[in-house]
């Protein structure tokens, strides 16, 4: 959306997930991650601990963010990571919370 891209209106957030370092066999020793949400205009960043990339844990982490900052949320923009495109996560954010969820163009 042009409004989101302009960074002039408060309330548009970017969401991402910071994962732990992989072990030698390309598996994670630790399944926890950090959900980062950055408000595009002010660059204010919220960090939420996530138990795993499973949709239930992702929803619980987003619920915590929404309890704290929900009144300041207009839209969310995510990368195309599998953790943000699960049906359960989509349904919770878009249907239950009525927040428009955008996805970045791949490799942008």
PDB file of N, CA and C in Angstrom:
ATOM      1  N   UNK A   1       0.838  -1.184   0.000  1.00  0.00           N
ATOM      2  CA  UNK A   1       0.000   0.000   0.000  1.00  0.00           C
ATOM      3  C   UNK A   1       0.885   1.251   0.000  1.00  0.00           C
ATOM      4  N   UNK A   2       0.462   2.258  -0.712  1.00  0.00           N
ATOM      5  CA  UNK A   2       1.231   3.497  -0.817  1.00  0.00           C
ATOM      6  C   UNK A   2       1.354   4.194   0.536  1.00  0.00           C
ATOM      7  N   UNK A   3       0.300   4.152   1.345  1.00  0.00           N
ATOM      8  CA  UNK A   3       0.335   4.774   2.666  1.00  0.00           C
ATOM      9  C   UNK A   3       1.388   4.099   3.546  1.00  0.00           C
ATOM     10  N   UNK A   4       1.439   2.780   3.496  1.00  0.00           N
ATOM     11  CA  UNK A   4       2.408   2.026   4.293  1.00  0.00           C
ATOM     12  C   UNK A   4       3.828   2.363   3.843  1.00  0.00           C
ATOM     13  N   UNK A   5       4.046   2.384   2.533  1.00  0.00           N
ATOM     14  CA  UNK A   5       5.389   2.640   1.998  1.00  0.00           C
ATOM     15  C   UNK A   5       5.899   4.046   2.294  1.00  0.00           C
ATOM     16  N   UNK A   6       5.005   5.009   2.431  1.00  0.00           N
ATOM     17  CA  UNK A   6       5.430   6.406   2.633  1.00  0.00           C
ATOM     18  C   UNK A   6       6.040   6.659   4.009  1.00  0.00           C
ATOM     19  N   UNK A   7       5.732   5.817   4.974  1.00  0.00           N
ATOM     20  CA  UNK A   7       6.224   5.967   6.353  1.00  0.00           C
ATOM     21  C   UNK A   7       5.782   7.283   7.002  1.00  0.00           C
ATOM     22  N   UNK A   8       4.690   7.862   6.543  1.00  0.00           N
ATOM     23  CA  UNK A   8       4.205   9.122   7.111  1.00  0.00           C
ATOM     24  C   UNK A   8       3.093   8.919   8.130  1.00  0.00           C
ATOM     25  N   UNK A   9       2.439   7.788   8.092  1.00  0.00           N
ATOM     26  CA  UNK A   9       1.330   7.508   9.009  1.00  0.00           C
ATOM     27  C   UNK A   9       1.770   6.483  10.045  1.00  0.00           C
ATOM     28  N   UNK A  10       1.498   6.771  11.310  1.00  0.00           N
ATOM     29  CA  UNK A  10       1.852   5.873  12.407  1.00  0.00           C
ATOM     30  C   UNK A  10       0.946   4.642  12.409  1.00  0.00           C
ATOM     31  N   UNK A  11       1.497   3.495  12.772  1.00  0.00           N
ATOM     32  CA  UNK A  11       0.685   2.303  12.987  1.00  0.00           C
ATOM     33  C   UNK A  11       0.916   1.170  12.011  1.00  0.00           C
ATOM     34  N   UNK A  12       1.876   1.326  11.120  1.00  0.00           N
ATOM     35  CA  UNK A  12       2.189   0.261  10.166  1.00  0.00           C
ATOM     36  C   UNK A  12       3.468  -0.428  10.631  1.00  0.00           C
ATOM     37  N   UNK A  13       3.374  -1.732  10.849  1.00  0.00           N
ATOM     38  CA  UNK A  13       4.449  -2.498  11.481  1.00  0.00           C
ATOM     39  C   UNK A  13       5.031  -3.534  10.526  1.00  0.00           C
ATOM     40  N   UNK A  14       6.337  -3.794  10.662  1.00  0.00           N
ATOM     41  CA  UNK A  14       7.000  -4.888   9.959  1.00  0.00           C
ATOM     42  C   UNK A  14       7.281  -5.977  10.982  1.00  0.00           C
ATOM     43  N   UNK A  15       6.989  -7.219  10.616  1.00  0.00           N
ATOM     44  CA  UNK A  15       7.195  -8.347  11.520  1.00  0.00           C
ATOM     45  C   UNK A  15       8.252  -9.275  10.946  1.00  0.00           C
ATOM     46  N   UNK A  16       9.081  -9.818  11.811  1.00  0.00           N
ATOM     47  CA  UNK A  16      10.097 -10.772  11.388  1.00  0.00           C
ATOM     48  C   UNK A  16      10.394 -11.706  12.548  1.00  0.00           C
ATOM     49  N   UNK A  17      11.173 -12.721  12.288  1.00  0.00           N
ATOM     50  CA  UNK A  17      11.534 -13.689  13.308  1.00  0.00           C
ATOM     51  C   UNK A  17      13.043 -13.869  13.301  1.00  0.00           C
ATOM     52  N   UNK A  18      13.665 -13.737  14.459  1.00  0.00           N
ATOM     53  CA  UNK A  18      15.101 -13.956  14.607  1.00  0.00           C
ATOM     54  C   UNK A  18      15.271 -15.343  15.219  1.00  0.00           C
ATOM     55  N   UNK A  19      15.952 -16.207  14.480  1.00  0.00           N
ATOM     56  CA  UNK A  19      16.114 -17.598  14.902  1.00  0.00           C
ATOM     57  C   UNK A  19      17.495 -17.827  15.502  1.00  0.00           C
ATOM     58  N   UNK A  20      17.639 -18.865  16.349  1.00  0.00           N
ATOM     59  CA  UNK A  20      18.953 -19.170  16.931  1.00  0.00           C
ATOM     60  C   UNK A  20      19.892 -19.713  15.861  1.00  0.00           C
ATOM     61  N   UNK A  21      21.178 -19.735  16.170  1.00  0.00           N
ATOM     62  CA  UNK A  21      22.164 -20.287  15.234  1.00  0.00           C
ATOM     63  C   UNK A  21      21.932 -21.786  15.068  1.00  0.00           C
ATOM     64  N   UNK A  22      22.144 -22.262  13.853  1.00  0.00           N
ATOM     65  CA  UNK A  22      21.993 -23.695  13.592  1.00  0.00           C
ATOM     66  C   UNK A  22      23.243 -24.449  14.041  1.00  0.00           C
ATOM     67  N   UNK A  23      23.042 -25.695  14.383  1.00  0.00           N
ATOM     68  CA  UNK A  23      24.157 -26.562  14.755  1.00  0.00           C
ATOM     69  C   UNK A  23      24.821 -27.069  13.478  1.00  0.00           C
ATOM     70  N   UNK A  24      25.879 -27.849  13.604  1.00  0.00           N
ATOM     71  CA  UNK A  24      26.610 -28.363  12.447  1.00  0.00           C
ATOM     72  C   UNK A  24      25.754 -29.209  11.509  1.00  0.00           C
ATOM     73  N   UNK A  25      24.786 -29.911  12.038  1.00  0.00           N
ATOM     74  CA  UNK A  25      23.935 -30.757  11.204  1.00  0.00           C
ATOM     75  C   UNK A  25      22.729 -29.988  10.658  1.00  0.00           C
ATOM     76  N   UNK A  26      22.792 -28.649  10.692  1.00  0.00           N
ATOM     77  CA  UNK A  26      21.753 -27.762  10.153  1.00  0.00           C
ATOM     78  C   UNK A  26      20.426 -27.861  10.909  1.00  0.00           C
ATOM     79  N   UNK A  27      20.469 -28.303  12.144  1.00  0.00           N
ATOM     80  CA  UNK A  27      19.271 -28.349  12.976  1.00  0.00           C
ATOM     81  C   UNK A  27      19.452 -27.359  14.117  1.00  0.00           C
ATOM     82  N   UNK A  28      18.318 -26.866  14.620  1.00  0.00           N
ATOM     83  CA  UNK A  28      18.359 -25.938  15.742  1.00  0.00           C
ATOM     84  C   UNK A  28      18.451 -26.702  17.049  1.00  0.00           C
ATOM     85  N   UNK A  29      19.385 -26.317  17.893  1.00  0.00           N
ATOM     86  CA  UNK A  29      19.469 -26.917  19.228  1.00  0.00           C
ATOM     87  C   UNK A  29      18.368 -26.323  20.100  1.00  0.00           C
ATOM     88  N   UNK A  30      18.063 -25.069  19.853  1.00  0.00           N
ATOM     89  CA  UNK A  30      17.072 -24.321  20.625  1.00  0.00           C
ATOM     90  C   UNK A  30      15.945 -23.934  19.677  1.00  0.00           C
ATOM     91  N   UNK A  31      14.703 -24.235  20.025  1.00  0.00           N
ATOM     92  CA  UNK A  31      13.582 -23.922  19.129  1.00  0.00           C
ATOM     93  C   UNK A  31      13.014 -22.522  19.354  1.00  0.00           C
ATOM     94  N   UNK A  32      13.428 -21.841  20.432  1.00  0.00           N
ATOM     95  CA  UNK A  32      12.886 -20.513  20.685  1.00  0.00           C
ATOM     96  C   UNK A  32      13.405 -19.517  19.656  1.00  0.00           C
ATOM     97  N   UNK A  33      12.664 -18.440  19.505  1.00  0.00           N
ATOM     98  CA  UNK A  33      13.036 -17.386  18.567  1.00  0.00           C
ATOM     99  C   UNK A  33      12.558 -16.061  19.153  1.00  0.00           C
ATOM    100  N   UNK A  34      12.892 -14.979  18.476  1.00  0.00           N
ATOM    101  CA  UNK A  34      12.425 -13.659  18.899  1.00  0.00           C
ATOM    102  C   UNK A  34      11.622 -13.045  17.761  1.00  0.00           C
ATOM    103  N   UNK A  35      10.370 -12.731  18.041  1.00  0.00           N
ATOM    104  CA  UNK A  35       9.525 -12.039  17.078  1.00  0.00           C
ATOM    105  C   UNK A  35       9.829 -10.549  17.204  1.00  0.00           C
ATOM    106  N   UNK A  36      10.191  -9.923  16.094  1.00  0.00           N
ATOM    107  CA  UNK A  36      10.467  -8.491  16.097  1.00  0.00           C
ATOM    108  C   UNK A  36       9.360  -7.785  15.331  1.00  0.00           C
ATOM    109  N   UNK A  37       8.852  -6.720  15.907  1.00  0.00           N
ATOM    110  CA  UNK A  37       7.847  -5.893  15.235  1.00  0.00           C
ATOM    111  C   UNK A  37       8.329  -4.454  15.305  1.00  0.00           C
ATOM    112  N   UNK A  38       8.524  -3.855  14.146  1.00  0.00           N
ATOM    113  CA  UNK A  38       9.055  -2.503  14.061  1.00  0.00           C
ATOM    114  C   UNK A  38       8.023  -1.592  13.413  1.00  0.00           C
ATOM    115  N   UNK A  39       7.672  -0.530  14.116  1.00  0.00           N
ATOM    116  CA  UNK A  39       6.720   0.456  13.574  1.00  0.00           C
ATOM    117  C   UNK A  39       7.482   1.260  12.527  1.00  0.00           C
ATOM    118  N   UNK A  40       6.924   1.367  11.324  1.00  0.00           N
ATOM    119  CA  UNK A  40       7.669   1.916  10.184  1.00  0.00           C
ATOM    120  C   UNK A  40       7.989   3.410  10.298  1.00  0.00           C
ATOM    121  N   UNK A  41       7.114   4.200  10.867  1.00  0.00           N
ATOM    122  CA  UNK A  41       7.363   5.649  10.928  1.00  0.00           C
ATOM    123  C   UNK A  41       8.403   6.009  11.988  1.00  0.00           C
ATOM    124  N   UNK A  42       8.226   5.485  13.195  1.00  0.00           N
ATOM    125  CA  UNK A  42       9.094   5.867  14.319  1.00  0.00           C
ATOM    126  C   UNK A  42      10.281   4.932  14.506  1.00  0.00           C
ATOM    127  N   UNK A  43      10.224   3.732  13.904  1.00  0.00           N
ATOM    128  CA  UNK A  43      11.231   2.674  14.071  1.00  0.00           C
ATOM    129  C   UNK A  43      11.218   2.074  15.476  1.00  0.00           C
ATOM    130  N   UNK A  44      10.155   2.339  16.247  1.00  0.00           N
ATOM    131  CA  UNK A  44       9.999   1.698  17.557  1.00  0.00           C
ATOM    132  C   UNK A  44       9.926   0.194  17.322  1.00  0.00           C
ATOM    133  N   UNK A  45      10.642  -0.583  18.125  1.00  0.00           N
ATOM    134  CA  UNK A  45      10.685  -2.027  17.936  1.00  0.00           C
ATOM    135  C   UNK A  45      10.272  -2.756  19.202  1.00  0.00           C
ATOM    136  N   UNK A  46       9.362  -3.709  19.032  1.00  0.00           N
ATOM    137  CA  UNK A  46       8.937  -4.584  20.129  1.00  0.00           C
ATOM    138  C   UNK A  46       9.537  -5.965  19.879  1.00  0.00           C
ATOM    139  N   UNK A  47      10.031  -6.585  20.942  1.00  0.00           N
ATOM    140  CA  UNK A  47      10.612  -7.923  20.858  1.00  0.00           C
ATOM    141  C   UNK A  47       9.800  -8.868  21.729  1.00  0.00           C
ATOM    142  N   UNK A  48       9.377  -9.985  21.146  1.00  0.00           N
ATOM    143  CA  UNK A  48       8.555 -10.954  21.868  1.00  0.00           C
ATOM    144  C   UNK A  48       9.213 -12.327  21.737  1.00  0.00           C
ATOM    145  N   UNK A  49       9.427 -13.006  22.859  1.00  0.00           N
ATOM    146  CA  UNK A  49       9.986 -14.354  22.833  1.00  0.00           C
ATOM    147  C   UNK A  49       8.938 -15.337  22.314  1.00  0.00           C
ATOM    148  N   UNK A  50       9.355 -16.195  21.385  1.00  0.00           N
ATOM    149  CA  UNK A  50       8.470 -17.197  20.780  1.00  0.00           C
ATOM    150  C   UNK A  50       9.026 -18.576  21.124  1.00  0.00           C
ATOM    151  N   UNK A  51       8.158 -19.469  21.556  1.00  0.00           N
ATOM    152  CA  UNK A  51       8.628 -20.808  21.954  1.00  0.00           C
ATOM    153  C   UNK A  51       9.116 -21.630  20.773  1.00  0.00           C
ATOM    154  N   UNK A  52       8.434 -21.493  19.613  1.00  0.00           N
ATOM    155  CA  UNK A  52       8.840 -22.213  18.400  1.00  0.00           C
ATOM    156  C   UNK A  52       8.147 -21.551  17.206  1.00  0.00           C
ATOM    157  N   UNK A  53       8.469 -22.024  15.999  1.00  0.00           N
ATOM    158  CA  UNK A  53       7.841 -21.488  14.785  1.00  0.00           C
ATOM    159  C   UNK A  53       6.464 -22.098  14.528  1.00  0.00           C
ATOM    160  N   UNK A  54       6.012 -22.993  15.401  1.00  0.00           N
ATOM    161  CA  UNK A  54       4.690 -23.608  15.229  1.00  0.00           C
ATOM    162  C   UNK A  54       3.625 -22.519  15.309  1.00  0.00           C
ATOM    163  N   UNK A  55       2.557 -22.682  14.531  1.00  0.00           N
ATOM    164  CA  UNK A  55       1.548 -21.625  14.434  1.00  0.00           C
ATOM    165  C   UNK A  55       0.932 -21.256  15.783  1.00  0.00           C
ATOM    166  N   UNK A  56       0.712 -22.231  16.666  1.00  0.00           N
ATOM    167  CA  UNK A  56       0.133 -21.932  17.974  1.00  0.00           C
ATOM    168  C   UNK A  56       1.049 -21.028  18.794  1.00  0.00           C
ATOM    169  N   UNK A  57       2.356 -21.304  18.758  1.00  0.00           N
ATOM    170  CA  UNK A  57       3.318 -20.474  19.491  1.00  0.00           C
ATOM    171  C   UNK A  57       3.447 -19.093  18.852  1.00  0.00           C
ATOM    172  N   UNK A  58       3.371 -19.026  17.528  1.00  0.00           N
ATOM    173  CA  UNK A  58       3.426 -17.741  16.831  1.00  0.00           C
ATOM    174  C   UNK A  58       2.202 -16.886  17.198  1.00  0.00           C
ATOM    175  N   UNK A  59       1.046 -17.509  17.257  1.00  0.00           N
ATOM    176  CA  UNK A  59      -0.189 -16.791  17.623  1.00  0.00           C
ATOM    177  C   UNK A  59      -0.093 -16.291  19.061  1.00  0.00           C
ATOM    178  N   UNK A  60       0.381 -17.133  19.976  1.00  0.00           N
ATOM    179  CA  UNK A  60       0.508 -16.712  21.373  1.00  0.00           C
ATOM    180  C   UNK A  60       1.455 -15.533  21.519  1.00  0.00           C
ATOM    181  N   UNK A  61       2.554 -15.526  20.770  1.00  0.00           N
ATOM    182  CA  UNK A  61       3.498 -14.406  20.821  1.00  0.00           C
ATOM    183  C   UNK A  61       2.846 -13.147  20.255  1.00  0.00           C
ATOM    184  N   UNK A  62       2.109 -13.297  19.152  1.00  0.00           N
ATOM    185  CA  UNK A  62       1.453 -12.135  18.561  1.00  0.00           C
ATOM    186  C   UNK A  62       0.369 -11.594  19.492  1.00  0.00           C
ATOM    187  N   UNK A  63      -0.319 -12.482  20.201  1.00  0.00           N
ATOM    188  CA  UNK A  63      -1.331 -12.049  21.180  1.00  0.00           C
ATOM    189  C   UNK A  63      -0.695 -11.147  22.232  1.00  0.00           C
ATOM    190  N   UNK A  64       0.479 -11.514  22.706  1.00  0.00           N
ATOM    191  CA  UNK A  64       1.182 -10.703  23.701  1.00  0.00           C
ATOM    192  C   UNK A  64       1.512  -9.326  23.128  1.00  0.00           C
ATOM    193  N   UNK A  65       2.019  -9.292  21.898  1.00  0.00           N
ATOM    194  CA  UNK A  65       2.288  -8.012  21.235  1.00  0.00           C
ATOM    195  C   UNK A  65       0.998  -7.194  21.127  1.00  0.00           C
ATOM    196  N   UNK A  66      -0.080  -7.839  20.690  1.00  0.00           N
ATOM    197  CA  UNK A  66      -1.343  -7.128  20.469  1.00  0.00           C
ATOM    198  C   UNK A  66      -1.938  -6.603  21.781  1.00  0.00           C
ATOM    199  N   UNK A  67      -1.794  -7.352  22.863  1.00  0.00           N
ATOM    200  CA  UNK A  67      -2.273  -6.876  24.172  1.00  0.00           C
ATOM    201  C   UNK A  67      -1.574  -5.578  24.558  1.00  0.00           C
ATOM    202  N   UNK A  68      -0.294  -5.479  24.233  1.00  0.00           N
ATOM    203  CA  UNK A  68       0.497  -4.308  24.602  1.00  0.00           C
ATOM    204  C   UNK A  68       0.337  -3.138  23.628  1.00  0.00           C
ATOM    205  N   UNK A  69       0.261  -3.432  22.335  1.00  0.00           N
ATOM    206  CA  UNK A  69       0.336  -2.366  21.324  1.00  0.00           C
ATOM    207  C   UNK A  69      -0.815  -2.356  20.324  1.00  0.00           C
ATOM    208  N   UNK A  70      -1.834  -3.157  20.546  1.00  0.00           N
ATOM    209  CA  UNK A  70      -2.921  -3.309  19.581  1.00  0.00           C
ATOM    210  C   UNK A  70      -3.583  -2.015  19.129  1.00  0.00           C
ATOM    211  N   UNK A  71      -3.716  -1.048  20.025  1.00  0.00           N
ATOM    212  CA  UNK A  71      -4.352   0.217  19.656  1.00  0.00           C
ATOM    213  C   UNK A  71      -3.498   1.018  18.685  1.00  0.00           C
ATOM    214  N   UNK A  72      -2.221   0.652  18.547  1.00  0.00           N
ATOM    215  CA  UNK A  72      -1.298   1.362  17.663  1.00  0.00           C
ATOM    216  C   UNK A  72      -1.002   0.565  16.385  1.00  0.00           C
ATOM    217  N   UNK A  73      -1.864  -0.404  16.051  1.00  0.00           N
ATOM    218  CA  UNK A  73      -1.603  -1.259  14.894  1.00  0.00           C
ATOM    219  C   UNK A  73      -2.659  -1.031  13.809  1.00  0.00           C
ATOM    220  N   UNK A  74      -2.197  -0.600  12.647  1.00  0.00           N
ATOM    221  CA  UNK A  74      -3.073  -0.460  11.471  1.00  0.00           C
ATOM    222  C   UNK A  74      -2.866  -1.628  10.510  1.00  0.00           C
ATOM    223  N   UNK A  75      -1.592  -1.917  10.189  1.00  0.00           N
ATOM    224  CA  UNK A  75      -1.256  -3.009   9.272  1.00  0.00           C
ATOM    225  C   UNK A  75       0.018  -3.690   9.752  1.00  0.00           C
ATOM    226  N   UNK A  76       0.232  -4.900   9.228  1.00  0.00           N
ATOM    227  CA  UNK A  76       1.446  -5.667   9.472  1.00  0.00           C
ATOM    228  C   UNK A  76       1.994  -6.085   8.108  1.00  0.00           C
ATOM    229  N   UNK A  77       3.299  -5.935   7.925  1.00  0.00           N
ATOM    230  CA  UNK A  77       3.954  -6.434   6.715  1.00  0.00           C
ATOM    231  C   UNK A  77       4.959  -7.493   7.135  1.00  0.00           C
ATOM    232  N   UNK A  78       4.882  -8.657   6.491  1.00  0.00           N
ATOM    233  CA  UNK A  78       5.756  -9.786   6.825  1.00  0.00           C
ATOM    234  C   UNK A  78       6.564 -10.199   5.611  1.00  0.00           C
ATOM    235  N   UNK A  79       7.662 -10.925   5.875  1.00  0.00           N
ATOM    236  CA  UNK A  79       8.361 -11.561   4.767  1.00  0.00           C
ATOM    237  C   UNK A  79       7.560 -12.821   4.424  1.00  0.00           C
ATOM    238  N   UNK A  80       8.063 -13.629   3.559  1.00  0.00           N
ATOM    239  CA  UNK A  80       7.314 -14.810   3.127  1.00  0.00           C
ATOM    240  C   UNK A  80       7.698 -16.069   3.893  1.00  0.00           C
ATOM    241  N   UNK A  81       8.176 -15.898   5.120  1.00  0.00           N
ATOM    242  CA  UNK A  81       8.537 -17.043   5.947  1.00  0.00           C
ATOM    243  C   UNK A  81       7.323 -17.902   6.274  1.00  0.00           C
ATOM    244  N   UNK A  82       7.541 -19.202   6.346  1.00  0.00           N
ATOM    245  CA  UNK A  82       6.433 -20.133   6.584  1.00  0.00           C
ATOM    246  C   UNK A  82       5.698 -19.836   7.877  1.00  0.00           C
ATOM    247  N   UNK A  83       6.408 -19.251   8.864  1.00  0.00           N
ATOM    248  CA  UNK A  83       5.772 -18.966  10.152  1.00  0.00           C
ATOM    249  C   UNK A  83       4.680 -17.902  10.047  1.00  0.00           C
ATOM    250  N   UNK A  84       4.723 -17.070   9.001  1.00  0.00           N
ATOM    251  CA  UNK A  84       3.733 -15.999   8.848  1.00  0.00           C
ATOM    252  C   UNK A  84       2.644 -16.316   7.831  1.00  0.00           C
ATOM    253  N   UNK A  85       2.744 -17.469   7.170  1.00  0.00           N
ATOM    254  CA  UNK A  85       1.734 -17.783   6.168  1.00  0.00           C
ATOM    255  C   UNK A  85       0.891 -19.003   6.540  1.00  0.00           C
ATOM    256  N   UNK A  86       1.001 -19.466   7.776  1.00  0.00           N
ATOM    257  CA  UNK A  86       0.142 -20.580   8.192  1.00  0.00           C
ATOM    258  C   UNK A  86      -1.297 -20.079   8.258  1.00  0.00           C
ATOM    259  N   UNK A  87      -2.237 -20.954   7.938  1.00  0.00           N
ATOM    260  CA  UNK A  87      -3.650 -20.571   7.947  1.00  0.00           C
ATOM    261  C   UNK A  87      -4.087 -20.091   9.326  1.00  0.00           C
ATOM    262  N   UNK A  88      -3.610 -20.755  10.369  1.00  0.00           N
ATOM    263  CA  UNK A  88      -4.012 -20.376  11.725  1.00  0.00           C
ATOM    264  C   UNK A  88      -3.560 -18.956  12.056  1.00  0.00           C
ATOM    265  N   UNK A  89      -2.306 -18.619  11.711  1.00  0.00           N
ATOM    266  CA  UNK A  89      -1.788 -17.274  11.972  1.00  0.00           C
ATOM    267  C   UNK A  89      -2.552 -16.244  11.146  1.00  0.00           C
ATOM    268  N   UNK A  90      -2.769 -16.539   9.864  1.00  0.00           N
ATOM    269  CA  UNK A  90      -3.519 -15.633   8.989  1.00  0.00           C
ATOM    270  C   UNK A  90      -4.928 -15.378   9.519  1.00  0.00           C
ATOM    271  N   UNK A  91      -5.602 -16.458   9.902  1.00  0.00           N
ATOM    272  CA  UNK A  91      -6.967 -16.336  10.400  1.00  0.00           C
ATOM    273  C   UNK A  91      -7.017 -15.497  11.676  1.00  0.00           C
ATOM    274  N   UNK A  92      -6.056 -15.724  12.572  1.00  0.00           N
ATOM    275  CA  UNK A  92      -6.045 -14.959  13.817  1.00  0.00           C
ATOM    276  C   UNK A  92      -5.828 -13.468  13.552  1.00  0.00           C
ATOM    277  N   UNK A  93      -4.821 -13.134  12.774  1.00  0.00           N
ATOM    278  CA  UNK A  93      -4.485 -11.727  12.548  1.00  0.00           C
ATOM    279  C   UNK A  93      -5.545 -11.028  11.703  1.00  0.00           C
ATOM    280  N   UNK A  94      -5.940 -11.643  10.593  1.00  0.00           N
ATOM    281  CA  UNK A  94      -6.841 -10.955   9.660  1.00  0.00           C
ATOM    282  C   UNK A  94      -8.325 -11.096  10.011  1.00  0.00           C
ATOM    283  N   UNK A  95      -8.745 -12.277  10.415  1.00  0.00           N
ATOM    284  CA  UNK A  95     -10.176 -12.466  10.691  1.00  0.00           C
ATOM    285  C   UNK A  95     -10.555 -12.063  12.109  1.00  0.00           C
ATOM    286  N   UNK A  96      -9.783 -12.540  13.090  1.00  0.00           N
ATOM    287  CA  UNK A  96     -10.145 -12.249  14.479  1.00  0.00           C
ATOM    288  C   UNK A  96      -9.797 -10.818  14.875  1.00  0.00           C
ATOM    289  N   UNK A  97      -8.573 -10.385  14.554  1.00  0.00           N
ATOM    290  CA  UNK A  97      -8.142  -9.046  14.966  1.00  0.00           C
ATOM    291  C   UNK A  97      -8.484  -7.968  13.940  1.00  0.00           C
ATOM    292  N   UNK A  98      -8.829  -8.385  12.719  1.00  0.00           N
ATOM    293  CA  UNK A  98      -9.185  -7.444  11.632  1.00  0.00           C
ATOM    294  C   UNK A  98      -8.012  -6.537  11.252  1.00  0.00           C
ATOM    295  N   UNK A  99      -6.790  -7.103  11.260  1.00  0.00           N
ATOM    296  CA  UNK A  99      -5.597  -6.353  10.865  1.00  0.00           C
ATOM    297  C   UNK A  99      -5.201  -6.811   9.466  1.00  0.00           C
ATOM    298  N   UNK A 100      -5.006  -5.851   8.569  1.00  0.00           N
ATOM    299  CA  UNK A 100      -4.576  -6.173   7.214  1.00  0.00           C
ATOM    300  C   UNK A 100      -3.121  -6.635   7.252  1.00  0.00           C
ATOM    301  N   UNK A 101      -2.850  -7.803   6.672  1.00  0.00           N
ATOM    302  CA  UNK A 101      -1.518  -8.388   6.661  1.00  0.00           C
ATOM    303  C   UNK A 101      -0.986  -8.366   5.237  1.00  0.00           C
ATOM    304  N   UNK A 102       0.145  -7.692   5.028  1.00  0.00           N
ATOM    305  CA  UNK A 102       0.792  -7.616   3.727  1.00  0.00           C
ATOM    306  C   UNK A 102       2.030  -8.492   3.733  1.00  0.00           C
ATOM    307  N   UNK A 103       2.458  -8.905   2.544  1.00  0.00           N
ATOM    308  CA  UNK A 103       3.686  -9.674   2.402  1.00  0.00           C
ATOM    309  C   UNK A 103       4.634  -8.956   1.470  1.00  0.00           C
ATOM    310  N   UNK A 104       5.913  -8.942   1.843  1.00  0.00           N
ATOM    311  CA  UNK A 104       6.938  -8.283   1.029  1.00  0.00           C
ATOM    312  C   UNK A 104       7.141  -9.088  -0.261  1.00  0.00           C
ATOM    313  N   UNK A 105       7.566  -8.384  -1.291  1.00  0.00           N
ATOM    314  CA  UNK A 105       7.900  -9.049  -2.539  1.00  0.00           C
ATOM    315  C   UNK A 105       9.095  -9.974  -2.275  1.00  0.00           C
ATOM    316  N   UNK A 106       9.034 -11.225  -2.737  1.00  0.00           N
ATOM    317  CA  UNK A 106      10.156 -12.143  -2.492  1.00  0.00           C
ATOM    318  C   UNK A 106      11.485 -11.543  -2.939  1.00  0.00           C
ATOM    319  N   UNK A 107      12.495 -11.770  -2.145  1.00  0.00           N
ATOM    320  CA  UNK A 107      13.880 -11.294  -2.339  1.00  0.00           C
ATOM    321  C   UNK A 107      14.028  -9.776  -2.324  1.00  0.00           C
ATOM    322  N   UNK A 108      13.061  -9.085  -1.720  1.00  0.00           N
ATOM    323  CA  UNK A 108      13.209  -7.621  -1.620  1.00  0.00           C
ATOM    324  C   UNK A 108      13.746  -7.233  -0.261  1.00  0.00           C
TER     325      UNK A 108
END
